[in-house]
Amino acid sequence: MKYGNRVDANQEAIVKSLRKACLSVAIIAPCGNGIPDLIVGWRGHNYLIEIKVGNAKLTPCEKTWHSEWKGSVAICKDAYDVFEHISEQEKKCSP
């Protein structure tokens, strides 16, 4: 079930900020089916990022995908949220 490929208004600015900070960013939002909007690569790790604006909620399809995914995925509203998520994940991996 593919829902409309609406791009969040803040996605372009987030992608630009992440790339400016030398992170790899692949936009996968067009995949639909609840799959997150971005794959972000940093220091040999990949992070799935769902972009949301303001108080926007996950769609039913996104909720299902997130609940069934065995890995991690973060819901972020700006580049700062993405950096915070990556920092938290790196702390979990540090000895």
PDB file of N, CA and C in Angstrom:
ATOM      1  N   MET A   1       0.853  -1.169   0.000  1.00  0.00           N
ATOM      2  CA  MET A   1       0.000   0.000   0.000  1.00  0.00           C
ATOM      3  C   MET A   1       0.897   1.229   0.000  1.00  0.00           C
ATOM      4  N   LYS A   2       0.878   1.964  -1.063  1.00  0.00           N
ATOM      5  CA  LYS A   2       1.744   3.127  -1.191  1.00  0.00           C
ATOM      6  C   LYS A   2       0.942   4.393  -0.954  1.00  0.00           C
ATOM      7  N   TYR A   3       1.321   5.166   0.058  1.00  0.00           N
ATOM      8  CA  TYR A   3       0.645   6.428   0.335  1.00  0.00           C
ATOM      9  C   TYR A   3       1.328   7.537  -0.449  1.00  0.00           C
ATOM     10  N   GLY A   4       0.653   8.669  -0.583  1.00  0.00           N
ATOM     11  CA  GLY A   4       1.180   9.793  -1.342  1.00  0.00           C
ATOM     12  C   GLY A   4       2.596  10.155  -0.945  1.00  0.00           C
ATOM     13  N   ASN A   5       3.396  10.429  -1.925  1.00  0.00           N
ATOM     14  CA  ASN A   5       4.802  10.745  -1.690  1.00  0.00           C
ATOM     15  C   ASN A   5       4.985  12.217  -1.362  1.00  0.00           C
ATOM     16  N   ARG A   6       4.266  12.694  -0.365  1.00  0.00           N
ATOM     17  CA  ARG A   6       4.363  14.082   0.058  1.00  0.00           C
ATOM     18  C   ARG A   6       5.697  14.280   0.783  1.00  0.00           C
ATOM     19  N   VAL A   7       6.422  15.279   0.359  1.00  0.00           N
ATOM     20  CA  VAL A   7       7.706  15.588   0.984  1.00  0.00           C
ATOM     21  C   VAL A   7       7.469  16.635   2.059  1.00  0.00           C
ATOM     22  N   ASP A   8       7.953  16.362   3.263  1.00  0.00           N
ATOM     23  CA  ASP A   8       7.798  17.318   4.362  1.00  0.00           C
ATOM     24  C   ASP A   8       8.528  18.617   4.029  1.00  0.00           C
ATOM     25  N   ALA A   9       7.944  19.735   4.413  1.00  0.00           N
ATOM     26  CA  ALA A   9       8.473  21.057   4.079  1.00  0.00           C
ATOM     27  C   ALA A   9       9.889  21.281   4.592  1.00  0.00           C
ATOM     28  N   ASN A  10      10.251  20.614   5.674  1.00  0.00           N
ATOM     29  CA  ASN A  10      11.572  20.808   6.276  1.00  0.00           C
ATOM     30  C   ASN A  10      12.630  19.838   5.759  1.00  0.00           C
ATOM     31  N   GLN A  11      12.237  18.897   4.913  1.00  0.00           N
ATOM     32  CA  GLN A  11      13.184  17.871   4.469  1.00  0.00           C
ATOM     33  C   GLN A  11      14.373  18.453   3.718  1.00  0.00           C
ATOM     34  N   GLU A  12      14.138  19.364   2.798  1.00  0.00           N
ATOM     35  CA  GLU A  12      15.233  19.934   2.011  1.00  0.00           C
ATOM     36  C   GLU A  12      16.277  20.611   2.901  1.00  0.00           C
ATOM     37  N   ALA A  13      15.834  21.394   3.874  1.00  0.00           N
ATOM     38  CA  ALA A  13      16.762  22.087   4.779  1.00  0.00           C
ATOM     39  C   ALA A  13      17.540  21.086   5.628  1.00  0.00           C
ATOM     40  N   ILE A  14      16.864  20.039   6.080  1.00  0.00           N
ATOM     41  CA  ILE A  14      17.535  19.010   6.885  1.00  0.00           C
ATOM     42  C   ILE A  14      18.604  18.313   6.057  1.00  0.00           C
ATOM     43  N   VAL A  15      18.251  17.890   4.863  1.00  0.00           N
ATOM     44  CA  VAL A  15      19.207  17.203   3.986  1.00  0.00           C
ATOM     45  C   VAL A  15      20.404  18.101   3.706  1.00  0.00           C
ATOM     46  N   LYS A  16      20.145  19.359   3.409  1.00  0.00           N
ATOM     47  CA  LYS A  16      21.225  20.317   3.122  1.00  0.00           C
ATOM     48  C   LYS A  16      22.160  20.454   4.319  1.00  0.00           C
ATOM     49  N   SER A  17      21.610  20.576   5.518  1.00  0.00           N
ATOM     50  CA  SER A  17      22.437  20.717   6.735  1.00  0.00           C
ATOM     51  C   SER A  17      23.272  19.470   6.988  1.00  0.00           C
ATOM     52  N   LEU A  18      22.675  18.314   6.814  1.00  0.00           N
ATOM     53  CA  LEU A  18      23.408  17.066   7.054  1.00  0.00           C
ATOM     54  C   LEU A  18      24.545  16.897   6.062  1.00  0.00           C
ATOM     55  N   ARG A  19      24.269  17.172   4.801  1.00  0.00           N
ATOM     56  CA  ARG A  19      25.318  17.058   3.779  1.00  0.00           C
ATOM     57  C   ARG A  19      26.420  18.084   3.995  1.00  0.00           C
ATOM     58  N   LYS A  20      26.050  19.264   4.444  1.00  0.00           N
ATOM     59  CA  LYS A  20      27.050  20.303   4.726  1.00  0.00           C
ATOM     60  C   LYS A  20      27.983  19.847   5.848  1.00  0.00           C
ATOM     61  N   ALA A  21      27.459  19.035   6.766  1.00  0.00           N
ATOM     62  CA  ALA A  21      28.253  18.504   7.880  1.00  0.00           C
ATOM     63  C   ALA A  21      28.966  17.195   7.495  1.00  0.00           C
ATOM     64  N   CYS A  22      28.967  16.880   6.192  1.00  0.00           N
ATOM     65  CA  CYS A  22      29.683  15.720   5.634  1.00  0.00           C
ATOM     66  C   CYS A  22      29.061  14.373   5.981  1.00  0.00           C
ATOM     67  N   LEU A  23      27.768  14.325   6.241  1.00  0.00           N
ATOM     68  CA  LEU A  23      27.078  13.057   6.412  1.00  0.00           C
ATOM     69  C   LEU A  23      26.532  12.642   5.045  1.00  0.00           C
ATOM     70  N   SER A  24      26.446  11.343   4.809  1.00  0.00           N
ATOM     71  CA  SER A  24      25.819  10.848   3.582  1.00  0.00           C
ATOM     72  C   SER A  24      24.320  10.820   3.803  1.00  0.00           C
ATOM     73  N   VAL A  25      23.563  11.219   2.795  1.00  0.00           N
ATOM     74  CA  VAL A  25      22.110  11.226   2.907  1.00  0.00           C
ATOM     75  C   VAL A  25      21.497  10.656   1.633  1.00  0.00           C
ATOM     76  N   ALA A  26      20.662   9.644   1.789  1.00  0.00           N
ATOM     77  CA  ALA A  26      19.879   9.106   0.676  1.00  0.00           C
ATOM     78  C   ALA A  26      18.413   9.370   0.990  1.00  0.00           C
ATOM     79  N   ILE A  27      17.726   9.976   0.053  1.00  0.00           N
ATOM     80  CA  ILE A  27      16.303  10.261   0.224  1.00  0.00           C
ATOM     81  C   ILE A  27      15.526   9.050  -0.288  1.00  0.00           C
ATOM     82  N   ILE A  28      14.842   8.376   0.641  1.00  0.00           N
ATOM     83  CA  ILE A  28      14.093   7.175   0.269  1.00  0.00           C
ATOM     84  C   ILE A  28      12.592   7.355   0.460  1.00  0.00           C
ATOM     85  N   ALA A  29      12.159   8.581   0.704  1.00  0.00           N
ATOM     86  CA  ALA A  29      10.735   8.879   0.885  1.00  0.00           C
ATOM     87  C   ALA A  29       9.872   8.370  -0.267  1.00  0.00           C
ATOM     88  N   PRO A  30      10.345   8.436  -1.520  1.00  0.00           N
ATOM     89  CA  PRO A  30       9.511   7.966  -2.619  1.00  0.00           C
ATOM     90  C   PRO A  30       9.162   6.473  -2.565  1.00  0.00           C
ATOM     91  N   CYS A  31       9.837   5.712  -1.734  1.00  0.00           N
ATOM     92  CA  CYS A  31       9.520   4.284  -1.609  1.00  0.00           C
ATOM     93  C   CYS A  31       8.100   4.076  -1.087  1.00  0.00           C
ATOM     94  N   GLY A  32       7.623   5.009  -0.248  1.00  0.00           N
ATOM     95  CA  GLY A  32       6.282   4.886   0.314  1.00  0.00           C
ATOM     96  C   GLY A  32       6.159   3.691   1.244  1.00  0.00           C
ATOM     97  N   ASN A  33       4.958   3.190   1.428  1.00  0.00           N
ATOM     98  CA  ASN A  33       4.685   2.014   2.260  1.00  0.00           C
ATOM     99  C   ASN A  33       5.144   2.160   3.710  1.00  0.00           C
ATOM    100  N   GLY A  34       5.249   3.385   4.210  1.00  0.00           N
ATOM    101  CA  GLY A  34       5.634   3.592   5.600  1.00  0.00           C
ATOM    102  C   GLY A  34       7.126   3.646   5.840  1.00  0.00           C
ATOM    103  N   ILE A  35       7.910   3.419   4.796  1.00  0.00           N
ATOM    104  CA  ILE A  35       9.371   3.437   4.922  1.00  0.00           C
ATOM    105  C   ILE A  35       9.818   4.859   5.259  1.00  0.00           C
ATOM    106  N   PRO A  36      10.791   5.018   6.180  1.00  0.00           N
ATOM    107  CA  PRO A  36      11.252   6.358   6.563  1.00  0.00           C
ATOM    108  C   PRO A  36      11.745   7.185   5.374  1.00  0.00           C
ATOM    109  N   ASP A  37      11.924   8.467   5.614  1.00  0.00           N
ATOM    110  CA  ASP A  37      12.270   9.412   4.553  1.00  0.00           C
ATOM    111  C   ASP A  37      13.737   9.395   4.144  1.00  0.00           C
ATOM    112  N   LEU A  38      14.621   9.150   5.102  1.00  0.00           N
ATOM    113  CA  LEU A  38      16.060   9.259   4.826  1.00  0.00           C
ATOM    114  C   LEU A  38      16.851   8.087   5.386  1.00  0.00           C
ATOM    115  N   ILE A  39      17.953   7.775   4.708  1.00  0.00           N
ATOM    116  CA  ILE A  39      19.012   6.956   5.293  1.00  0.00           C
ATOM    117  C   ILE A  39      20.201   7.908   5.420  1.00  0.00           C
ATOM    118  N   VAL A  40      20.726   8.015   6.613  1.00  0.00           N
ATOM    119  CA  VAL A  40      21.858   8.902   6.883  1.00  0.00           C
ATOM    120  C   VAL A  40      23.051   8.035   7.282  1.00  0.00           C
ATOM    121  N   GLY A  41      24.176   8.271   6.635  1.00  0.00           N
ATOM    122  CA  GLY A  41      25.388   7.521   6.938  1.00  0.00           C
ATOM    123  C   GLY A  41      26.411   8.393   7.633  1.00  0.00           C
ATOM    124  N   TRP A  42      27.013   7.834   8.691  1.00  0.00           N
ATOM    125  CA  TRP A  42      28.037   8.570   9.453  1.00  0.00           C
ATOM    126  C   TRP A  42      28.932   7.570  10.153  1.00  0.00           C
ATOM    127  N   ARG A  43      30.242   7.690   9.923  1.00  0.00           N
ATOM    128  CA  ARG A  43      31.246   6.862  10.586  1.00  0.00           C
ATOM    129  C   ARG A  43      30.942   5.367  10.492  1.00  0.00           C
ATOM    130  N   GLY A  44      30.552   4.927   9.311  1.00  0.00           N
ATOM    131  CA  GLY A  44      30.327   3.509   9.067  1.00  0.00           C
ATOM    132  C   GLY A  44      28.997   2.961   9.561  1.00  0.00           C
ATOM    133  N   HIS A  45      28.102   3.834  10.005  1.00  0.00           N
ATOM    134  CA  HIS A  45      26.791   3.401  10.495  1.00  0.00           C
ATOM    135  C   HIS A  45      25.691   4.083   9.676  1.00  0.00           C
ATOM    136  N   ASN A  46      24.556   3.417   9.599  1.00  0.00           N
ATOM    137  CA  ASN A  46      23.402   3.955   8.881  1.00  0.00           C
ATOM    138  C   ASN A  46      22.266   4.208   9.850  1.00  0.00           C
ATOM    139  N   TYR A  47      21.558   5.291   9.624  1.00  0.00           N
ATOM    140  CA  TYR A  47      20.466   5.693  10.502  1.00  0.00           C
ATOM    141  C   TYR A  47      19.226   5.967   9.651  1.00  0.00           C
ATOM    142  N   LEU A  48      18.118   5.368  10.030  1.00  0.00           N
ATOM    143  CA  LEU A  48      16.849   5.616   9.357  1.00  0.00           C
ATOM    144  C   LEU A  48      16.151   6.784  10.046  1.00  0.00           C
ATOM    145  N   ILE A  49      15.730   7.753   9.244  1.00  0.00           N
ATOM    146  CA  ILE A  49      15.147   8.976   9.784  1.00  0.00           C
ATOM    147  C   ILE A  49      13.787   9.238   9.137  1.00  0.00           C
ATOM    148  N   GLU A  50      12.789   9.397   9.982  1.00  0.00           N
ATOM    149  CA  GLU A  50      11.456   9.811   9.541  1.00  0.00           C
ATOM    150  C   GLU A  50      11.332  11.296   9.828  1.00  0.00           C
ATOM    151  N   ILE A  51      11.081  12.091   8.804  1.00  0.00           N
ATOM    152  CA  ILE A  51      10.959  13.539   8.958  1.00  0.00           C
ATOM    153  C   ILE A  51       9.495  13.896   9.216  1.00  0.00           C
ATOM    154  N   LYS A  52       9.276  14.743  10.198  1.00  0.00           N
ATOM    155  CA  LYS A  52       7.940  15.260  10.488  1.00  0.00           C
ATOM    156  C   LYS A  52       8.034  16.764  10.708  1.00  0.00           C
ATOM    157  N   VAL A  53       6.949  17.452  10.423  1.00  0.00           N
ATOM    158  CA  VAL A  53       6.860  18.901  10.609  1.00  0.00           C
ATOM    159  C   VAL A  53       5.914  19.175  11.766  1.00  0.00           C
ATOM    160  N   GLY A  54       6.337  20.058  12.663  1.00  0.00           N
ATOM    161  CA  GLY A  54       5.467  20.471  13.766  1.00  0.00           C
ATOM    162  C   GLY A  54       4.931  19.300  14.566  1.00  0.00           C
ATOM    163  N   ASN A  55       3.608  19.253  14.723  1.00  0.00           N
ATOM    164  CA  ASN A  55       2.972  18.190  15.506  1.00  0.00           C
ATOM    165  C   ASN A  55       2.453  17.042  14.647  1.00  0.00           C
ATOM    166  N   ALA A  56       2.929  16.942  13.425  1.00  0.00           N
ATOM    167  CA  ALA A  56       2.464  15.888  12.527  1.00  0.00           C
ATOM    168  C   ALA A  56       2.709  14.513  13.151  1.00  0.00           C
ATOM    169  N   LYS A  57       1.771  13.638  12.943  1.00  0.00           N
ATOM    170  CA  LYS A  57       1.828  12.273  13.482  1.00  0.00           C
ATOM    171  C   LYS A  57       2.185  11.297  12.368  1.00  0.00           C
ATOM    172  N   LEU A  58       2.617  10.106  12.765  1.00  0.00           N
ATOM    173  CA  LEU A  58       2.867   9.052  11.792  1.00  0.00           C
ATOM    174  C   LEU A  58       1.548   8.650  11.135  1.00  0.00           C
ATOM    175  N   THR A  59       1.619   8.342   9.857  1.00  0.00           N
ATOM    176  CA  THR A  59       0.442   7.827   9.162  1.00  0.00           C
ATOM    177  C   THR A  59       0.214   6.386   9.639  1.00  0.00           C
ATOM    178  N   PRO A  60      -0.958   5.830   9.411  1.00  0.00           N
ATOM    179  CA  PRO A  60      -1.182   4.426   9.790  1.00  0.00           C
ATOM    180  C   PRO A  60      -0.149   3.487   9.167  1.00  0.00           C
ATOM    181  N   CYS A  61       0.192   3.734   7.930  1.00  0.00           N
ATOM    182  CA  CYS A  61       1.191   2.896   7.247  1.00  0.00           C
ATOM    183  C   CYS A  61       2.566   3.031   7.922  1.00  0.00           C
ATOM    184  N   GLU A  62       2.944   4.255   8.285  1.00  0.00           N
ATOM    185  CA  GLU A  62       4.220   4.479   8.975  1.00  0.00           C
ATOM    186  C   GLU A  62       4.219   3.808  10.341  1.00  0.00           C
ATOM    187  N   LYS A  63       3.106   3.896  11.063  1.00  0.00           N
ATOM    188  CA  LYS A  63       3.017   3.245  12.375  1.00  0.00           C
ATOM    189  C   LYS A  63       3.249   1.749  12.258  1.00  0.00           C
ATOM    190  N   THR A  64       2.628   1.148  11.271  1.00  0.00           N
ATOM    191  CA  THR A  64       2.802  -0.291  11.059  1.00  0.00           C
ATOM    192  C   THR A  64       4.250  -0.615  10.740  1.00  0.00           C
ATOM    193  N   TRP A  65       4.840   0.136   9.814  1.00  0.00           N
ATOM    194  CA  TRP A  65       6.228  -0.117   9.427  1.00  0.00           C
ATOM    195  C   TRP A  65       7.160   0.020  10.628  1.00  0.00           C
ATOM    196  N   HIS A  66       7.016   1.086  11.389  1.00  0.00           N
ATOM    197  CA  HIS A  66       7.870   1.331  12.560  1.00  0.00           C
ATOM    198  C   HIS A  66       7.719   0.203  13.584  1.00  0.00           C
ATOM    199  N   SER A  67       6.503  -0.260  13.802  1.00  0.00           N
ATOM    200  CA  SER A  67       6.283  -1.302  14.814  1.00  0.00           C
ATOM    201  C   SER A  67       6.845  -2.653  14.374  1.00  0.00           C
ATOM    202  N   GLU A  68       6.943  -2.882  13.080  1.00  0.00           N
ATOM    203  CA  GLU A  68       7.439  -4.159  12.589  1.00  0.00           C
ATOM    204  C   GLU A  68       8.945  -4.166  12.316  1.00  0.00           C
ATOM    205  N   TRP A  69       9.558  -2.992  12.245  1.00  0.00           N
ATOM    206  CA  TRP A  69      10.988  -2.889  11.938  1.00  0.00           C
ATOM    207  C   TRP A  69      11.807  -3.354  13.133  1.00  0.00           C
ATOM    208  N   LYS A  70      12.779  -4.208  12.896  1.00  0.00           N
ATOM    209  CA  LYS A  70      13.599  -4.786  13.970  1.00  0.00           C
ATOM    210  C   LYS A  70      14.788  -3.898  14.353  1.00  0.00           C
ATOM    211  N   GLY A  71      15.062  -2.880  13.560  1.00  0.00           N
ATOM    212  CA  GLY A  71      16.155  -1.960  13.853  1.00  0.00           C
ATOM    213  C   GLY A  71      15.621  -0.670  14.441  1.00  0.00           C
ATOM    214  N   SER A  72      16.461   0.345  14.442  1.00  0.00           N
ATOM    215  CA  SER A  72      16.037   1.625  15.006  1.00  0.00           C
ATOM    216  C   SER A  72      15.642   2.586  13.888  1.00  0.00           C
ATOM    217  N   VAL A  73      14.755   3.472  14.223  1.00  0.00           N
ATOM    218  CA  VAL A  73      14.348   4.555  13.335  1.00  0.00           C
ATOM    219  C   VAL A  73      13.988   5.738  14.221  1.00  0.00           C
ATOM    220  N   ALA A  74      14.419   6.920  13.823  1.00  0.00           N
ATOM    221  CA  ALA A  74      14.160   8.122  14.620  1.00  0.00           C
ATOM    222  C   ALA A  74      13.190   9.039  13.890  1.00  0.00           C
ATOM    223  N   ILE A  75      12.338   9.690  14.659  1.00  0.00           N
ATOM    224  CA  ILE A  75      11.440  10.703  14.119  1.00  0.00           C
ATOM    225  C   ILE A  75      12.054  12.058  14.449  1.00  0.00           C
ATOM    226  N   CYS A  76      12.362  12.831  13.411  1.00  0.00           N
ATOM    227  CA  CYS A  76      13.082  14.088  13.599  1.00  0.00           C
ATOM    228  C   CYS A  76      12.366  15.240  12.905  1.00  0.00           C
ATOM    229  N   LYS A  77      12.464  16.415  13.527  1.00  0.00           N
ATOM    230  CA  LYS A  77      11.833  17.613  12.974  1.00  0.00           C
ATOM    231  C   LYS A  77      12.842  18.590  12.374  1.00  0.00           C
ATOM    232  N   ASP A  78      14.121  18.400  12.707  1.00  0.00           N
ATOM    233  CA  ASP A  78      15.155  19.271  12.165  1.00  0.00           C
ATOM    234  C   ASP A  78      16.497  18.553  12.222  1.00  0.00           C
ATOM    235  N   ALA A  79      17.521  19.198  11.658  1.00  0.00           N
ATOM    236  CA  ALA A  79      18.852  18.581  11.618  1.00  0.00           C
ATOM    237  C   ALA A  79      19.392  18.343  13.029  1.00  0.00           C
ATOM    238  N   TYR A  80      19.079  19.235  13.953  1.00  0.00           N
ATOM    239  CA  TYR A  80      19.526  19.062  15.340  1.00  0.00           C
ATOM    240  C   TYR A  80      19.026  17.736  15.896  1.00  0.00           C
ATOM    241  N   ASP A  81      17.759  17.396  15.640  1.00  0.00           N
ATOM    242  CA  ASP A  81      17.210  16.114  16.103  1.00  0.00           C
ATOM    243  C   ASP A  81      17.991  14.933  15.519  1.00  0.00           C
ATOM    244  N   VAL A  82      18.368  15.051  14.254  1.00  0.00           N
ATOM    245  CA  VAL A  82      19.138  13.976  13.610  1.00  0.00           C
ATOM    246  C   VAL A  82      20.496  13.822  14.294  1.00  0.00           C
ATOM    247  N   PHE A  83      21.186  14.945  14.510  1.00  0.00           N
ATOM    248  CA  PHE A  83      22.488  14.897  15.178  1.00  0.00           C
ATOM    249  C   PHE A  83      22.368  14.324  16.588  1.00  0.00           C
ATOM    250  N   GLU A  84      21.313  14.699  17.292  1.00  0.00           N
ATOM    251  CA  GLU A  84      21.065  14.160  18.642  1.00  0.00           C
ATOM    252  C   GLU A  84      20.883  12.644  18.592  1.00  0.00           C
ATOM    253  N   HIS A  85      20.087  12.178  17.650  1.00  0.00           N
ATOM    254  CA  HIS A  85      19.851  10.739  17.515  1.00  0.00           C
ATOM    255  C   HIS A  85      21.157   9.993  17.239  1.00  0.00           C
ATOM    256  N   ILE A  86      21.941  10.507  16.310  1.00  0.00           N
ATOM    257  CA  ILE A  86      23.215   9.861  15.980  1.00  0.00           C
ATOM    258  C   ILE A  86      24.135   9.849  17.191  1.00  0.00           C
ATOM    259  N   SER A  87      24.204  10.957  17.906  1.00  0.00           N
ATOM    260  CA  SER A  87      25.038  11.045  19.107  1.00  0.00           C
ATOM    261  C   SER A  87      24.610  10.012  20.152  1.00  0.00           C
ATOM    262  N   GLU A  88      23.299   9.890  20.365  1.00  0.00           N
ATOM    263  CA  GLU A  88      22.785   8.901  21.340  1.00  0.00           C
ATOM    264  C   GLU A  88      23.126   7.481  20.898  1.00  0.00           C
ATOM    265  N   GLN A  89      22.988   7.195  19.613  1.00  0.00           N
ATOM    266  CA  GLN A  89      23.291   5.861  19.117  1.00  0.00           C
ATOM    267  C   GLN A  89      24.786   5.557  19.240  1.00  0.00           C
ATOM    268  N   GLU A  90      25.644   6.548  18.992  1.00  0.00           N
ATOM    269  CA  GLU A  90      27.088   6.350  19.133  1.00  0.00           C
ATOM    270  C   GLU A  90      27.462   6.061  20.591  1.00  0.00           C
ATOM    271  N   LYS A  91      26.796   6.737  21.527  1.00  0.00           N
ATOM    272  CA  LYS A  91      27.065   6.494  22.957  1.00  0.00           C
ATOM    273  C   LYS A  91      26.723   5.066  23.325  1.00  0.00           C
ATOM    274  N   LYS A  92      25.645   4.521  22.768  1.00  0.00           N
ATOM    275  CA  LYS A  92      25.249   3.148  23.055  1.00  0.00           C
ATOM    276  C   LYS A  92      26.271   2.148  22.550  1.00  0.00           C
ATOM    277  N   CYS A  93      26.983   2.509  21.484  1.00  0.00           N
ATOM    278  CA  CYS A  93      27.955   1.596  20.872  1.00  0.00           C
ATOM    279  C   CYS A  93      29.351   1.731  21.468  1.00  0.00           C
ATOM    280  N   SER A  94      29.566   2.801  22.232  1.00  0.00           N
ATOM    281  CA  SER A  94      30.900   3.024  22.810  1.00  0.00           C
ATOM    282  C   SER A  94      31.136   2.110  24.000  1.00  0.00           C
ATOM    283  N   PRO A  95      32.353   1.585  24.128  1.00  0.00           N
ATOM    284  CA  PRO A  95      32.665   0.705  25.281  1.00  0.00           C
ATOM    285  C   PRO A  95      32.744   1.473  26.583  1.00  0.00           C
TER     286      PRO A  95
END
